[in-house]
Amino acid sequence: MYRYDQFDNLIVQERIAQFRSQVQRRLSGELLENEFLPLRLQNGLYMQRHAYMLRIAVPYGLLSSKQMHMLAHIARKYDRGYGHFTTRQNIQFNWIKLEDTPDILADLATVEMHANQTSGNCIRNITADEYAGVAADEIVDPRPFAEILRQWSTFHPEFAYLPRKFKIAINGALDDRAATAVHDIGLTVVRNEAGEVGFRVMVGGGMGRTPILGSVIREFLPWQHIITYIEAVVRVYNLHGRRDNKYKARIKILVKAIGAEEYARQTEAEWQNIKDGPGTLTREELERVAGFFAAPAYQALVPQDGALQKAAQEQRAFGNWLQRNVKPHKMPGYAVVVLSLKKAGVPPGDATAAQLDFAADLAERYSFGQLRVTHEQNLVLADVRQHDLLRLWNEAKAQGLATPNVGLLTDMICCPGGDFCSLANAKSLPIAAAIGRRFDDLDFQHDIGEIELNISGCINACGHHHIGSIGILGVDKDGAEWYQVSIGGAQGKQAAIGKIIGPSFSAPQMPDVIERLLTVYLRERIEGERFIDTVQRLGIAPFKEYLYATPIVAPALTGEDEYV
């Protein structure tokens, strides 16, 4: 994985010293909150309902075991013993004291981590496929390109104050696991007819109050021009993006207003000014950065398919875990393991300090000391020997990290919602808890099959509800918390924005809402059809008809539906 050089270290240390001074001035009253606001946001520090929240960058979702141990240390010393992994592969701590933040940043720097550009109107943390470098369907490992773009965008003086926040995702495989279609810029590795590597470039994707899928503005961009072309894209946005209304300031609004063809034309014109300049990426530089992501010392292993199949037959629970949480690896005899952070009764994406330390220990023993964070708020051990899977499963199960539900109903994406976030219209976590309790039967979940249930507490869509098979959005209705439901959303190559199914529901009704939607699916599906396939085949009409046929009378949510 990438290691800081002298420039990285200098930049991070100077930023810590600068922010320490700013915090001291705020605590003394020399800086007022409105003056301090942009300064703290540049360092990933938000003011939430109860305390400050610090968002720490995890570039392209990659962590070393040493870094994970540091996150556990921060959870214990500065927070309330846990952290929350987000859909952008970062981690958030929700109970931070302002006076501690410089020390936290200093601790992070000792393991080459930071919180720079995790907030503010700048280019945010660049995300990538969580299986990058090991996926069997990979064309090219996208992580070197993601790192190059990270270096280019960090404190870029021209893009420090964009009209609005800006998010880039990069995918290097046939399957799109980076949700490129709903990013400001989505990059997909492709090969042209000559076999040369390049990128298909999408712009103008995003969720929030105006969900839009990105538009392709270039089918093939030679990899050498990745920096200069992206710079041209952002320059056009920086010049023409609206600054008078933050709700209309994202690049997606600009692309929609002038059209993708015109945006492509302006980008090409801007690109001609810098196309072959100093920003052109050389093979030497690409190889230098790629050297940080060289494959570990894999052994020549014999695949253990037969032995694993036998163990799965002897232990059904292990078999379920193999089916849901273990993914193919490009190297014979190895596997990719997803550690589920979706155990019943736990907020989706949360991990205790003990679990963070334990996951780091697993990485050291079983996966060359590295971990990944997924968009679905889980963790990944990318390089596990197949003959270690049974032992690893037993250890992970004892720590609550082996729930065999990856891709199933209870593998929910969920933002912190109104329990923490000051922007939220409604609470997300009690809804996730109530649905999780109702459908905790794994046999039922396996019968339902793959389904994405995403929950957001407000229109900012941090829970990616627009692209969930079932999406739930918290809304304010005359001062009360209600929930709008959409179905038919999808990420990946067949990305789609879900359609709102009808009037919103109260919190107590939500488990019954999900049950009615599933009832229609189970009644109407044909063999091998996923929930999303059935919705796309039938449309929302039969789901809507059954959902609203009779009123849903549900008891009030209880303390059991609150996460502790």
Protein backbone atom coordinates (compact mmCIF):
# COMPACT_ATOMS: atom_id res chain seq x y z
CA MET A 1 0.00 0.00 0.00
CA TYR A 2 1.05 3.60 -0.46
CA ARG A 3 3.58 5.04 1.99
CA TYR A 4 3.98 8.74 2.76
CA ASP A 5 6.98 10.47 1.21
CA GLN A 6 8.69 13.63 2.53
CA PHE A 7 6.07 15.86 0.92
CA ASP A 8 3.14 13.96 2.43
CA ASN A 9 4.71 14.12 5.88
CA LEU A 10 5.49 17.82 5.59
CA ILE A 11 1.98 18.71 4.40
CA VAL A 12 0.29 16.71 7.16
CA GLN A 13 2.51 18.04 9.95
CA GLU A 14 2.05 21.64 8.83
CA ARG A 15 -1.71 21.17 8.67
CA ILE A 16 -1.78 19.75 12.21
CA ALA A 17 0.21 22.68 13.59
CA GLN A 18 -2.03 25.12 11.75
CA PHE A 19 -5.21 23.51 13.05
CA ARG A 20 -3.87 23.29 16.61
CA SER A 21 -3.47 27.06 16.56
CA GLN A 22 -6.96 27.53 15.11
CA VAL A 23 -8.51 25.32 17.80
CA GLN A 24 -6.73 27.23 20.55
CA ARG A 25 -8.01 30.50 19.12
CA ARG A 26 -11.56 29.12 18.97
CA LEU A 27 -11.42 27.86 22.57
CA SER A 28 -10.13 31.22 23.74
CA GLY A 29 -12.93 33.03 21.93
CA GLU A 30 -10.59 34.79 19.54
CA LEU A 31 -12.33 33.00 16.66
CA LEU A 32 -16.12 33.01 16.48
CA GLU A 33 -17.96 29.89 15.30
CA ASN A 34 -18.80 31.36 11.90
CA GLU A 35 -15.09 32.12 11.42
CA PHE A 36 -14.02 28.71 12.69
CA LEU A 37 -16.57 26.77 10.61
CA PRO A 38 -14.67 26.68 7.28
CA LEU A 39 -11.40 25.97 9.11
CA ARG A 40 -12.71 22.92 10.96
CA LEU A 41 -14.51 21.58 7.89
CA GLN A 42 -11.20 21.59 6.02
CA ASN A 43 -10.01 19.17 8.67
CA GLY A 44 -13.05 16.89 8.59
CA LEU A 45 -14.59 18.21 11.80
CA TYR A 46 -18.39 18.63 11.94
CA MET A 47 -20.66 19.88 14.71
CA GLN A 48 -23.42 17.30 15.21
CA ARG A 49 -26.38 17.16 17.59
CA HIS A 50 -24.44 16.10 20.68
CA ALA A 51 -20.75 16.60 19.97
CA TYR A 52 -18.22 17.11 17.23
CA MET A 53 -17.84 14.39 14.61
CA LEU A 54 -14.44 13.76 13.02
CA ARG A 55 -14.32 12.09 9.61
CA ILE A 56 -11.02 10.38 8.86
CA ALA A 57 -9.93 9.67 5.30
CA VAL A 58 -9.34 6.11 4.15
CA PRO A 59 -8.07 6.65 0.59
CA TYR A 60 -9.69 4.16 -1.82
CA GLY A 61 -10.73 2.13 1.25
CA LEU A 62 -7.31 0.62 2.01
CA LEU A 63 -5.98 0.24 5.56
CA SER A 64 -2.96 -1.40 7.13
CA SER A 65 -3.35 -3.33 10.37
CA LYS A 66 -1.25 -0.65 12.09
CA GLN A 67 -3.69 2.01 10.94
CA MET A 68 -6.66 -0.05 12.10
CA HIS A 69 -5.06 -0.40 15.52
CA MET A 70 -4.75 3.39 15.61
CA LEU A 71 -8.46 3.75 14.85
CA ALA A 72 -9.16 1.45 17.79
CA HIS A 73 -6.94 3.64 19.98
CA ILE A 74 -8.85 6.76 18.92
CA ALA A 75 -12.18 5.05 19.63
CA ARG A 76 -11.04 4.20 23.15
CA LYS A 77 -9.20 7.37 24.11
CA TYR A 78 -11.20 10.10 22.40
CA ASP A 79 -14.65 8.65 21.60
CA ARG A 80 -17.09 6.29 23.29
CA GLY A 81 -15.42 3.08 22.24
CA TYR A 82 -16.53 2.71 18.62
CA GLY A 83 -16.33 4.16 15.11
CA HIS A 84 -18.68 4.25 12.13
CA PHE A 85 -17.60 3.27 8.60
CA THR A 86 -19.30 5.23 5.84
CA THR A 87 -20.43 4.65 2.27
CA ARG A 88 -17.39 6.62 1.10
CA GLN A 89 -14.98 4.14 2.70
CA ASN A 90 -14.08 6.59 5.50
CA ILE A 91 -14.56 6.27 9.25
CA GLN A 92 -16.34 8.73 11.54
CA PHE A 93 -16.11 9.26 15.28
CA ASN A 94 -19.24 10.86 16.71
CA TRP A 95 -18.29 11.94 20.24
CA ILE A 96 -15.19 14.09 19.82
CA LYS A 97 -14.16 16.99 22.06
CA LEU A 98 -12.88 20.03 20.18
CA GLU A 99 -9.80 20.37 22.37
CA ASP A 100 -8.77 16.80 21.52
CA THR A 101 -8.87 17.12 17.74
CA PRO A 102 -5.28 18.33 17.18
CA ASP A 103 -3.98 15.43 19.26
CA ILE A 104 -6.13 12.99 17.28
CA LEU A 105 -4.72 14.33 14.01
CA ALA A 106 -1.20 14.05 15.44
CA ASP A 107 -1.85 10.43 16.44
CA LEU A 108 -3.19 9.71 12.96
CA ALA A 109 -0.09 11.18 11.36
CA THR A 110 2.10 8.61 13.13
CA VAL A 111 0.43 5.90 10.99
CA GLU A 112 0.18 7.99 7.81
CA MET A 113 -3.46 8.97 8.11
CA HIS A 114 -5.28 12.30 8.10
CA ALA A 115 -8.68 13.99 7.83
CA ASN A 116 -7.84 16.41 5.03
CA GLN A 117 -10.55 17.08 2.46
CA THR A 118 -13.10 14.79 4.09
CA SER A 119 -15.37 17.82 4.09
CA GLY A 120 -15.70 21.18 2.42
CA ASN A 121 -16.23 22.27 -1.18
CA CYS A 122 -13.22 20.44 -2.53
CA ILE A 123 -12.34 17.10 -4.11
CA ARG A 124 -13.18 14.56 -1.42
CA ASN A 125 -11.74 11.13 -0.66
CA ILE A 126 -11.41 9.17 -3.91
CA THR A 127 -13.13 5.80 -3.68
CA ALA A 128 -12.53 2.53 -5.53
CA ASP A 129 -13.53 -1.11 -5.82
CA GLU A 130 -13.00 -2.77 -2.43
CA TYR A 131 -11.66 -5.86 -4.23
CA ALA A 132 -9.11 -3.88 -6.27
CA GLY A 133 -5.98 -5.87 -7.03
CA VAL A 134 -7.50 -9.25 -6.19
CA ALA A 135 -10.78 -9.44 -8.11
CA ALA A 136 -11.03 -12.24 -10.65
CA ASP A 137 -12.82 -9.93 -13.12
CA GLU A 138 -10.31 -7.08 -12.89
CA ILE A 139 -8.91 -5.46 -16.04
CA VAL A 140 -6.35 -3.26 -14.29
CA ASP A 141 -5.76 -2.47 -10.61
CA PRO A 142 -7.24 1.05 -10.22
CA ARG A 143 -5.46 1.89 -6.94
CA PRO A 144 -2.32 3.44 -8.50
CA PHE A 145 -4.53 5.78 -10.51
CA ALA A 146 -6.60 6.57 -7.42
CA GLU A 147 -3.42 7.41 -5.51
CA ILE A 148 -2.13 9.60 -8.33
CA LEU A 149 -5.42 11.49 -8.39
CA ARG A 150 -5.31 11.79 -4.59
CA GLN A 151 -1.89 13.40 -4.76
CA TRP A 152 -2.97 15.71 -7.58
CA SER A 153 -6.15 16.83 -5.80
CA THR A 154 -4.74 17.28 -2.28
CA PHE A 155 -4.73 21.00 -1.50
CA HIS A 156 -4.96 21.81 -5.20
CA PRO A 157 -5.06 25.62 -5.01
CA GLU A 158 -7.40 26.00 -7.98
CA PHE A 159 -9.96 23.58 -6.54
CA ALA A 160 -9.92 24.46 -2.83
CA TYR A 161 -13.23 26.38 -3.04
CA LEU A 162 -15.38 24.69 -5.63
CA PRO A 163 -19.08 25.57 -5.93
CA ARG A 164 -19.84 22.41 -3.93
CA LYS A 165 -18.25 19.18 -2.71
CA PHE A 166 -16.83 16.94 -5.43
CA LYS A 167 -16.58 13.14 -5.43
CA ILE A 168 -14.62 10.83 -7.72
CA ALA A 169 -14.90 7.03 -7.95
CA ILE A 170 -12.73 4.68 -10.00
CA ASN A 171 -13.38 1.08 -11.01
CA GLY A 172 -10.98 -1.32 -12.68
CA ALA A 173 -13.12 -4.43 -13.08
CA LEU A 174 -15.88 -5.72 -15.35
CA ASP A 175 -18.38 -5.48 -12.50
CA ASP A 176 -18.82 -1.94 -11.19
CA ARG A 177 -18.37 -2.15 -7.43
CA ALA A 178 -17.51 1.54 -7.05
CA ALA A 179 -20.95 3.01 -7.90
CA THR A 180 -19.33 5.18 -10.58
CA ALA A 181 -22.67 6.28 -12.07
CA VAL A 182 -23.64 8.31 -9.00
CA HIS A 183 -20.43 10.29 -8.61
CA ASP A 184 -19.45 13.71 -9.87
CA ILE A 185 -16.83 11.90 -11.93
CA GLY A 186 -16.97 8.14 -12.46
CA LEU A 187 -13.95 6.47 -14.07
CA THR A 188 -14.08 2.94 -15.47
CA VAL A 189 -11.03 1.12 -16.83
CA VAL A 190 -11.56 -0.10 -20.40
CA ARG A 191 -9.45 -1.46 -23.25
CA ASN A 192 -9.80 -0.23 -26.81
CA GLU A 193 -9.66 -2.40 -29.92
CA ALA A 194 -5.87 -2.25 -29.88
CA GLY A 195 -5.80 -3.57 -26.31
CA GLU A 196 -4.63 -0.28 -24.85
CA VAL A 197 -5.74 0.71 -21.35
CA GLY A 198 -7.81 3.82 -20.82
CA PHE A 199 -10.87 5.14 -19.03
CA ARG A 200 -14.52 5.70 -19.83
CA VAL A 201 -15.37 9.02 -18.19
CA MET A 202 -18.78 9.81 -16.71
CA VAL A 203 -19.71 13.17 -15.21
CA GLY A 204 -22.69 14.63 -13.43
CA GLY A 205 -23.84 11.70 -11.34
CA GLY A 206 -25.07 12.16 -7.82
CA MET A 207 -27.84 11.60 -5.33
CA GLY A 208 -29.23 14.12 -2.83
CA ARG A 209 -32.40 16.08 -3.60
CA THR A 210 -31.82 15.70 -7.37
CA PRO A 211 -30.67 12.13 -8.05
CA ILE A 212 -29.08 11.78 -11.49
CA LEU A 213 -27.04 9.08 -13.19
CA GLY A 214 -23.81 10.31 -14.74
CA SER A 215 -23.38 10.86 -18.48
CA VAL A 216 -20.51 9.46 -20.50
CA ILE A 217 -18.53 12.35 -22.01
CA ARG A 218 -15.59 10.25 -23.24
CA GLU A 219 -15.69 6.60 -24.18
CA PHE A 220 -11.93 6.16 -24.15
CA LEU A 221 -9.35 8.35 -22.45
CA PRO A 222 -5.75 7.09 -22.70
CA TRP A 223 -4.43 6.55 -19.18
CA GLN A 224 -1.58 9.03 -19.73
CA HIS A 225 -4.10 11.87 -19.74
CA ILE A 226 -6.03 10.96 -16.60
CA ILE A 227 -4.79 14.00 -14.63
CA THR A 228 -5.08 16.62 -17.36
CA TYR A 229 -8.52 15.51 -18.53
CA ILE A 230 -9.96 15.38 -15.01
CA GLU A 231 -8.44 18.82 -14.39
CA ALA A 232 -10.27 20.09 -17.47
CA VAL A 233 -13.55 18.59 -16.24
CA VAL A 234 -13.22 20.27 -12.84
CA ARG A 235 -12.13 23.58 -14.38
CA VAL A 236 -15.31 23.78 -16.43
CA TYR A 237 -17.35 23.07 -13.32
CA ASN A 238 -15.40 25.57 -11.23
CA LEU A 239 -16.00 28.25 -13.87
CA HIS A 240 -19.71 27.67 -14.52
CA GLY A 241 -21.08 25.88 -11.44
CA ARG A 242 -23.63 27.90 -9.48
CA ARG A 243 -22.53 29.58 -6.27
CA ASP A 244 -25.75 31.46 -5.56
CA ASN A 245 -27.70 28.39 -4.41
CA LYS A 246 -25.99 25.46 -2.71
CA TYR A 247 -28.89 23.17 -3.61
CA LYS A 248 -28.15 23.74 -7.29
CA ALA A 249 -24.37 23.91 -7.05
CA ARG A 250 -23.35 20.33 -7.82
CA ILE A 251 -21.86 19.46 -11.20
CA LYS A 252 -24.91 17.31 -11.98
CA ILE A 253 -27.05 20.47 -12.13
CA LEU A 254 -24.63 22.11 -14.54
CA VAL A 255 -24.45 19.04 -16.79
CA LYS A 256 -28.23 18.79 -16.82
CA ALA A 257 -28.60 22.50 -17.60
CA ILE A 258 -26.21 22.67 -20.55
CA GLY A 259 -26.36 19.02 -21.63
CA ALA A 260 -23.70 16.32 -21.58
CA GLU A 261 -22.62 17.01 -25.17
CA GLU A 262 -21.95 20.67 -24.41
CA TYR A 263 -20.12 19.76 -21.20
CA ALA A 264 -17.96 17.34 -23.17
CA ARG A 265 -17.27 20.04 -25.78
CA GLN A 266 -16.18 22.57 -23.18
CA THR A 267 -14.05 19.96 -21.42
CA GLU A 268 -12.31 19.02 -24.67
CA ALA A 269 -11.65 22.68 -25.44
CA GLU A 270 -10.18 23.28 -21.98
CA TRP A 271 -8.19 20.06 -22.21
CA GLN A 272 -6.42 21.17 -25.36
CA ASN A 273 -4.70 23.88 -23.32
CA ILE A 274 -3.08 21.38 -20.91
CA LYS A 275 -3.31 18.03 -22.72
CA ASP A 276 0.40 17.40 -23.24
CA GLY A 277 1.71 19.61 -20.47
CA PRO A 278 3.48 18.74 -17.20
CA GLY A 279 0.39 16.94 -15.90
CA THR A 280 0.70 14.21 -18.52
CA LEU A 281 1.28 10.93 -16.70
CA THR A 282 4.41 9.03 -17.70
CA ARG A 283 4.88 5.29 -17.60
CA GLU A 284 7.77 5.77 -15.19
CA GLU A 285 5.60 7.64 -12.72
CA LEU A 286 2.76 5.15 -13.04
CA GLU A 287 5.15 2.26 -12.42
CA ARG A 288 6.66 4.08 -9.44
CA VAL A 289 3.27 4.51 -7.78
CA ALA A 290 2.11 1.04 -8.84
CA GLY A 291 5.13 -0.37 -7.00
CA PHE A 292 3.42 0.53 -3.73
CA PHE A 293 0.58 -1.81 -4.69
CA ALA A 294 2.67 -4.79 -5.78
CA ALA A 295 1.11 -8.17 -5.08
CA PRO A 296 2.10 -9.72 -1.75
CA ALA A 297 4.19 -12.86 -1.51
CA TYR A 298 1.53 -15.33 -2.59
CA GLN A 299 2.25 -19.01 -2.15
CA ALA A 300 1.68 -21.59 -4.87
CA LEU A 301 -1.42 -23.17 -3.37
CA VAL A 302 -3.72 -25.98 -4.40
CA PRO A 303 -7.39 -24.89 -4.37
CA GLN A 304 -9.30 -26.31 -1.41
CA ASP A 305 -12.73 -26.49 -3.04
CA GLY A 306 -13.33 -30.11 -2.12
CA ALA A 307 -12.27 -29.71 1.50
CA LEU A 308 -14.33 -26.54 1.86
CA GLN A 309 -17.39 -28.19 0.37
CA LYS A 310 -17.04 -31.06 2.83
CA ALA A 311 -16.66 -28.69 5.79
CA ALA A 312 -19.69 -26.72 4.60
CA GLN A 313 -21.79 -29.89 4.52
CA GLU A 314 -20.67 -30.80 8.03
CA GLN A 315 -21.31 -27.30 9.41
CA ARG A 316 -24.25 -25.54 7.81
CA ALA A 317 -23.41 -22.20 9.44
CA PHE A 318 -19.94 -22.31 7.93
CA GLY A 319 -21.47 -23.17 4.57
CA ASN A 320 -23.79 -20.15 4.75
CA TRP A 321 -20.83 -17.93 5.54
CA LEU A 322 -18.84 -19.35 2.61
CA GLN A 323 -21.76 -18.68 0.31
CA ARG A 324 -22.37 -15.09 1.38
CA ASN A 325 -19.15 -13.67 2.83
CA VAL A 326 -16.38 -15.33 0.80
CA LYS A 327 -15.64 -14.05 -2.71
CA PRO A 328 -13.45 -15.36 -5.56
CA HIS A 329 -9.77 -14.39 -5.69
CA LYS A 330 -7.62 -14.15 -8.81
CA MET A 331 -4.93 -16.39 -7.22
CA PRO A 332 -5.56 -20.16 -6.90
CA GLY A 333 -5.97 -21.27 -3.31
CA TYR A 334 -6.86 -17.80 -1.99
CA ALA A 335 -10.17 -16.12 -1.15
CA VAL A 336 -11.56 -12.68 -0.37
CA VAL A 337 -13.38 -12.52 2.98
CA VAL A 338 -15.98 -9.91 3.96
CA LEU A 339 -16.23 -9.24 7.69
CA SER A 340 -19.85 -8.24 8.24
CA LEU A 341 -20.54 -5.18 10.38
CA LYS A 342 -24.25 -5.94 10.23
CA LYS A 343 -24.84 -8.21 13.19
CA ALA A 344 -28.38 -7.99 14.58
CA GLY A 345 -28.71 -5.33 17.23
CA VAL A 346 -25.70 -3.31 16.03
CA PRO A 347 -25.94 -0.08 14.00
CA PRO A 348 -24.89 -0.86 10.40
CA GLY A 349 -21.27 0.12 9.84
CA ASP A 350 -20.36 0.47 13.52
CA ALA A 351 -17.35 -1.33 14.97
CA THR A 352 -16.17 -1.30 18.56
CA ALA A 353 -12.58 -0.61 19.52
CA ALA A 354 -12.21 -4.30 20.39
CA GLN A 355 -13.52 -5.30 16.95
CA LEU A 356 -11.19 -2.82 15.23
CA ASP A 357 -8.22 -4.29 17.06
CA PHE A 358 -9.45 -7.80 16.36
CA ALA A 359 -9.91 -7.10 12.64
CA ALA A 360 -6.36 -5.72 12.55
CA ASP A 361 -5.09 -8.89 14.24
CA LEU A 362 -6.94 -11.03 11.69
CA ALA A 363 -5.32 -9.06 8.89
CA GLU A 364 -1.89 -9.64 10.36
CA ARG A 365 -2.45 -13.38 10.70
CA TYR A 366 -4.41 -14.09 7.55
CA SER A 367 -4.17 -11.26 4.98
CA PHE A 368 -0.68 -9.77 4.76
CA GLY A 369 -1.55 -7.05 7.26
CA GLN A 370 -4.08 -5.18 5.11
CA LEU A 371 -7.82 -4.52 5.20
CA ARG A 372 -10.39 -2.80 2.99
CA VAL A 373 -13.54 -0.79 3.72
CA THR A 374 -16.53 -1.42 1.44
CA HIS A 375 -19.20 0.97 0.17
CA GLU A 376 -21.67 -1.27 1.99
CA GLN A 377 -20.01 -0.43 5.35
CA ASN A 378 -18.27 -3.76 5.87
CA LEU A 379 -14.60 -4.76 6.12
CA VAL A 380 -12.61 -7.00 3.79
CA LEU A 381 -9.62 -9.30 4.20
CA ALA A 382 -8.48 -9.54 0.60
CA ASP A 383 -5.83 -12.28 0.64
CA VAL A 384 -6.90 -15.23 2.79
CA ARG A 385 -5.63 -18.73 2.09
CA GLN A 386 -8.54 -21.08 1.54
CA HIS A 387 -7.22 -23.59 4.06
CA ASP A 388 -7.40 -20.85 6.73
CA LEU A 389 -11.08 -20.06 6.12
CA LEU A 390 -12.56 -22.42 8.70
CA ARG A 391 -10.21 -21.19 11.43
CA LEU A 392 -10.82 -17.56 10.49
CA TRP A 393 -14.59 -18.08 10.50
CA ASN A 394 -14.50 -19.50 14.02
CA GLU A 395 -12.46 -16.56 15.28
CA ALA A 396 -14.54 -13.92 13.50
CA LYS A 397 -17.79 -15.50 14.69
CA ALA A 398 -16.69 -15.19 18.30
CA GLN A 399 -16.23 -11.44 17.82
CA GLY A 400 -19.53 -10.81 15.99
CA LEU A 401 -17.90 -10.28 12.58
CA ALA A 402 -19.13 -13.37 10.73
CA THR A 403 -22.85 -12.81 10.23
CA PRO A 404 -23.53 -14.61 6.90
CA ASN A 405 -25.68 -11.85 5.42
CA VAL A 406 -23.51 -10.03 2.87
CA GLY A 407 -25.79 -8.92 0.05
CA LEU A 408 -28.93 -9.96 1.93
CA LEU A 409 -31.73 -7.94 3.51
CA THR A 410 -30.02 -7.23 6.84
CA ASP A 411 -26.79 -6.14 5.13
CA MET A 412 -28.34 -2.68 5.21
CA ILE A 413 -26.65 0.56 4.33
CA CYS A 414 -27.64 3.17 6.88
CA CYS A 415 -26.46 6.65 7.80
CA PRO A 416 -26.35 7.75 11.47
CA GLY A 417 -29.51 9.81 10.90
CA GLY A 418 -31.24 11.97 13.46
CA ASP A 419 -29.63 10.23 16.43
CA PHE A 420 -26.45 12.13 15.59
CA CYS A 421 -26.63 14.26 12.44
CA SER A 422 -27.95 17.81 12.73
CA LEU A 423 -28.97 17.74 9.06
CA ALA A 424 -31.25 14.73 9.38
CA ASN A 425 -35.04 14.99 9.17
CA ALA A 426 -35.59 11.65 10.88
CA LYS A 427 -33.83 8.87 12.71
CA SER A 428 -32.38 6.04 10.62
CA LEU A 429 -31.00 3.69 13.23
CA PRO A 430 -34.31 2.75 14.94
CA ILE A 431 -35.78 1.92 11.52
CA ALA A 432 -32.81 -0.29 10.68
CA ALA A 433 -33.09 -1.95 14.09
CA ALA A 434 -36.82 -2.65 13.75
CA ILE A 435 -36.43 -4.10 10.24
CA GLY A 436 -33.43 -6.13 11.36
CA ARG A 437 -35.39 -7.65 14.25
CA ARG A 438 -38.37 -8.49 12.01
CA PHE A 439 -36.26 -10.29 9.39
CA ASP A 440 -33.47 -11.75 11.50
CA ASP A 441 -34.25 -15.28 10.25
CA LEU A 442 -31.29 -16.12 7.99
CA ASP A 443 -33.18 -18.92 6.25
CA PHE A 444 -35.82 -16.38 5.20
CA GLN A 445 -33.15 -13.94 4.08
CA HIS A 446 -31.45 -16.60 1.97
CA ASP A 447 -34.81 -17.45 0.38
CA ILE A 448 -35.33 -13.79 -0.51
CA GLY A 449 -31.84 -13.66 -2.02
CA GLU A 450 -29.84 -10.61 -2.99
CA ILE A 451 -31.46 -7.32 -2.10
CA GLU A 452 -30.13 -3.90 -1.18
CA LEU A 453 -31.97 -2.01 1.55
CA ASN A 454 -30.59 1.51 1.98
CA ILE A 455 -31.71 4.06 4.58
CA SER A 456 -31.02 7.82 4.69
CA GLY A 457 -32.11 10.20 7.41
CA CYS A 458 -32.37 13.15 5.03
CA ILE A 459 -32.26 14.15 1.38
CA ASN A 460 -28.46 14.35 1.39
CA ALA A 461 -28.62 10.58 0.80
CA CYS A 462 -25.59 9.51 2.83
CA GLY A 463 -27.32 6.12 3.05
CA HIS A 464 -27.55 5.89 -0.77
CA HIS A 465 -31.30 5.26 -0.61
CA HIS A 466 -31.76 6.29 -4.26
CA ILE A 467 -29.84 3.23 -5.49
CA GLY A 468 -31.24 0.68 -3.06
CA SER A 469 -33.49 -2.12 -4.27
CA ILE A 470 -35.59 -0.69 -1.48
CA GLY A 471 -34.75 2.85 -0.43
CA ILE A 472 -36.00 4.56 2.72
CA LEU A 473 -35.74 8.32 3.18
CA GLY A 474 -36.53 10.16 6.40
CA VAL A 475 -38.75 13.20 5.83
CA ASP A 476 -40.23 15.91 8.01
CA LYS A 477 -44.03 15.96 7.95
CA ASP A 478 -45.52 18.73 10.06
CA GLY A 479 -42.72 18.37 12.58
CA ALA A 480 -43.00 14.56 12.79
CA GLU A 481 -40.64 11.91 11.43
CA TRP A 482 -41.99 10.00 8.43
CA TYR A 483 -40.41 7.75 5.82
CA GLN A 484 -40.67 7.83 2.05
CA VAL A 485 -40.11 4.51 0.25
CA SER A 486 -38.71 3.90 -3.22
CA ILE A 487 -38.03 0.66 -5.06
CA GLY A 488 -36.08 -0.32 -8.15
CA GLY A 489 -32.81 1.46 -7.45
CA ALA A 490 -29.55 -0.24 -8.35
CA GLN A 491 -25.83 0.40 -8.47
CA GLY A 492 -23.24 -1.19 -10.73
CA LYS A 493 -23.36 -1.40 -14.52
CA GLN A 494 -27.17 -1.47 -14.49
CA ALA A 495 -27.42 1.56 -12.21
CA ALA A 496 -30.90 2.96 -11.70
CA ILE A 497 -32.60 5.55 -9.50
CA GLY A 498 -35.45 4.10 -7.45
CA LYS A 499 -39.01 5.32 -7.94
CA ILE A 500 -41.02 6.67 -5.02
CA ILE A 501 -43.84 4.23 -4.47
CA GLY A 502 -46.36 6.56 -2.83
CA PRO A 503 -47.19 8.52 0.35
CA SER A 504 -44.80 8.24 3.29
CA PHE A 505 -45.16 6.03 6.38
CA SER A 506 -44.68 6.44 10.10
CA ALA A 507 -41.77 4.78 11.87
CA PRO A 508 -43.86 1.97 13.45
CA GLN A 509 -45.24 1.01 10.03
CA MET A 510 -41.86 0.43 8.37
CA PRO A 511 -41.30 -3.27 9.18
CA ASP A 512 -44.77 -4.04 7.78
CA VAL A 513 -44.02 -1.94 4.70
CA ILE A 514 -40.96 -4.06 3.98
CA GLU A 515 -42.91 -7.24 4.62
CA ARG A 516 -45.61 -6.27 2.13
CA LEU A 517 -43.04 -5.43 -0.55
CA LEU A 518 -41.37 -8.79 -0.02
CA THR A 519 -44.71 -10.57 -0.14
CA VAL A 520 -45.33 -9.24 -3.65
CA TYR A 521 -41.82 -10.20 -4.73
CA LEU A 522 -42.10 -13.75 -3.41
CA ARG A 523 -45.50 -14.12 -5.07
CA GLU A 524 -44.49 -12.72 -8.46
CA ARG A 525 -40.85 -13.70 -8.95
CA ILE A 526 -39.80 -16.26 -11.50
CA GLU A 527 -37.01 -18.74 -10.84
CA GLY A 528 -33.63 -17.12 -10.36
CA GLU A 529 -35.04 -13.59 -10.26
CA ARG A 530 -33.74 -11.10 -7.71
CA PHE A 531 -35.97 -8.47 -6.13
CA ILE A 532 -34.59 -5.78 -8.45
CA ASP A 533 -35.22 -8.00 -11.50
CA THR A 534 -38.86 -8.49 -10.52
CA VAL A 535 -39.37 -4.76 -9.98
CA GLN A 536 -37.80 -3.95 -13.34
CA ARG A 537 -39.97 -6.57 -15.09
CA LEU A 538 -43.28 -5.64 -13.45
CA GLY A 539 -42.80 -1.98 -12.56
CA ILE A 540 -43.92 -0.53 -9.23
CA ALA A 541 -47.69 -0.88 -9.81
CA PRO A 542 -48.27 -4.33 -8.22
CA PHE A 543 -46.08 -3.40 -5.23
CA LYS A 544 -47.91 -0.12 -4.75
CA GLU A 545 -51.32 -1.74 -5.06
CA TYR A 546 -50.63 -4.33 -2.38
CA LEU A 547 -48.75 -1.92 -0.12
CA TYR A 548 -51.62 0.57 0.06
CA ALA A 549 -54.52 -1.91 -0.27
CA THR A 550 -55.29 -1.79 3.44
CA PRO A 551 -53.99 0.53 6.17
CA ILE A 552 -50.94 -0.65 8.09
CA VAL A 553 -51.67 -0.70 11.80
CA ALA A 554 -48.47 -1.18 13.73
CA PRO A 555 -47.48 -0.82 17.39
CA ALA A 556 -45.13 1.98 18.36
CA LEU A 557 -41.42 1.28 18.18
CA THR A 558 -40.00 0.20 21.52
CA GLY A 559 -36.67 0.42 23.26
CA GLU A 560 -35.74 -2.81 21.51
CA ASP A 561 -35.58 -0.85 18.30
CA GLU A 562 -33.01 1.57 19.65
CA TYR A 563 -29.36 0.70 19.26
CA VAL A 564 -27.39 0.91 22.45
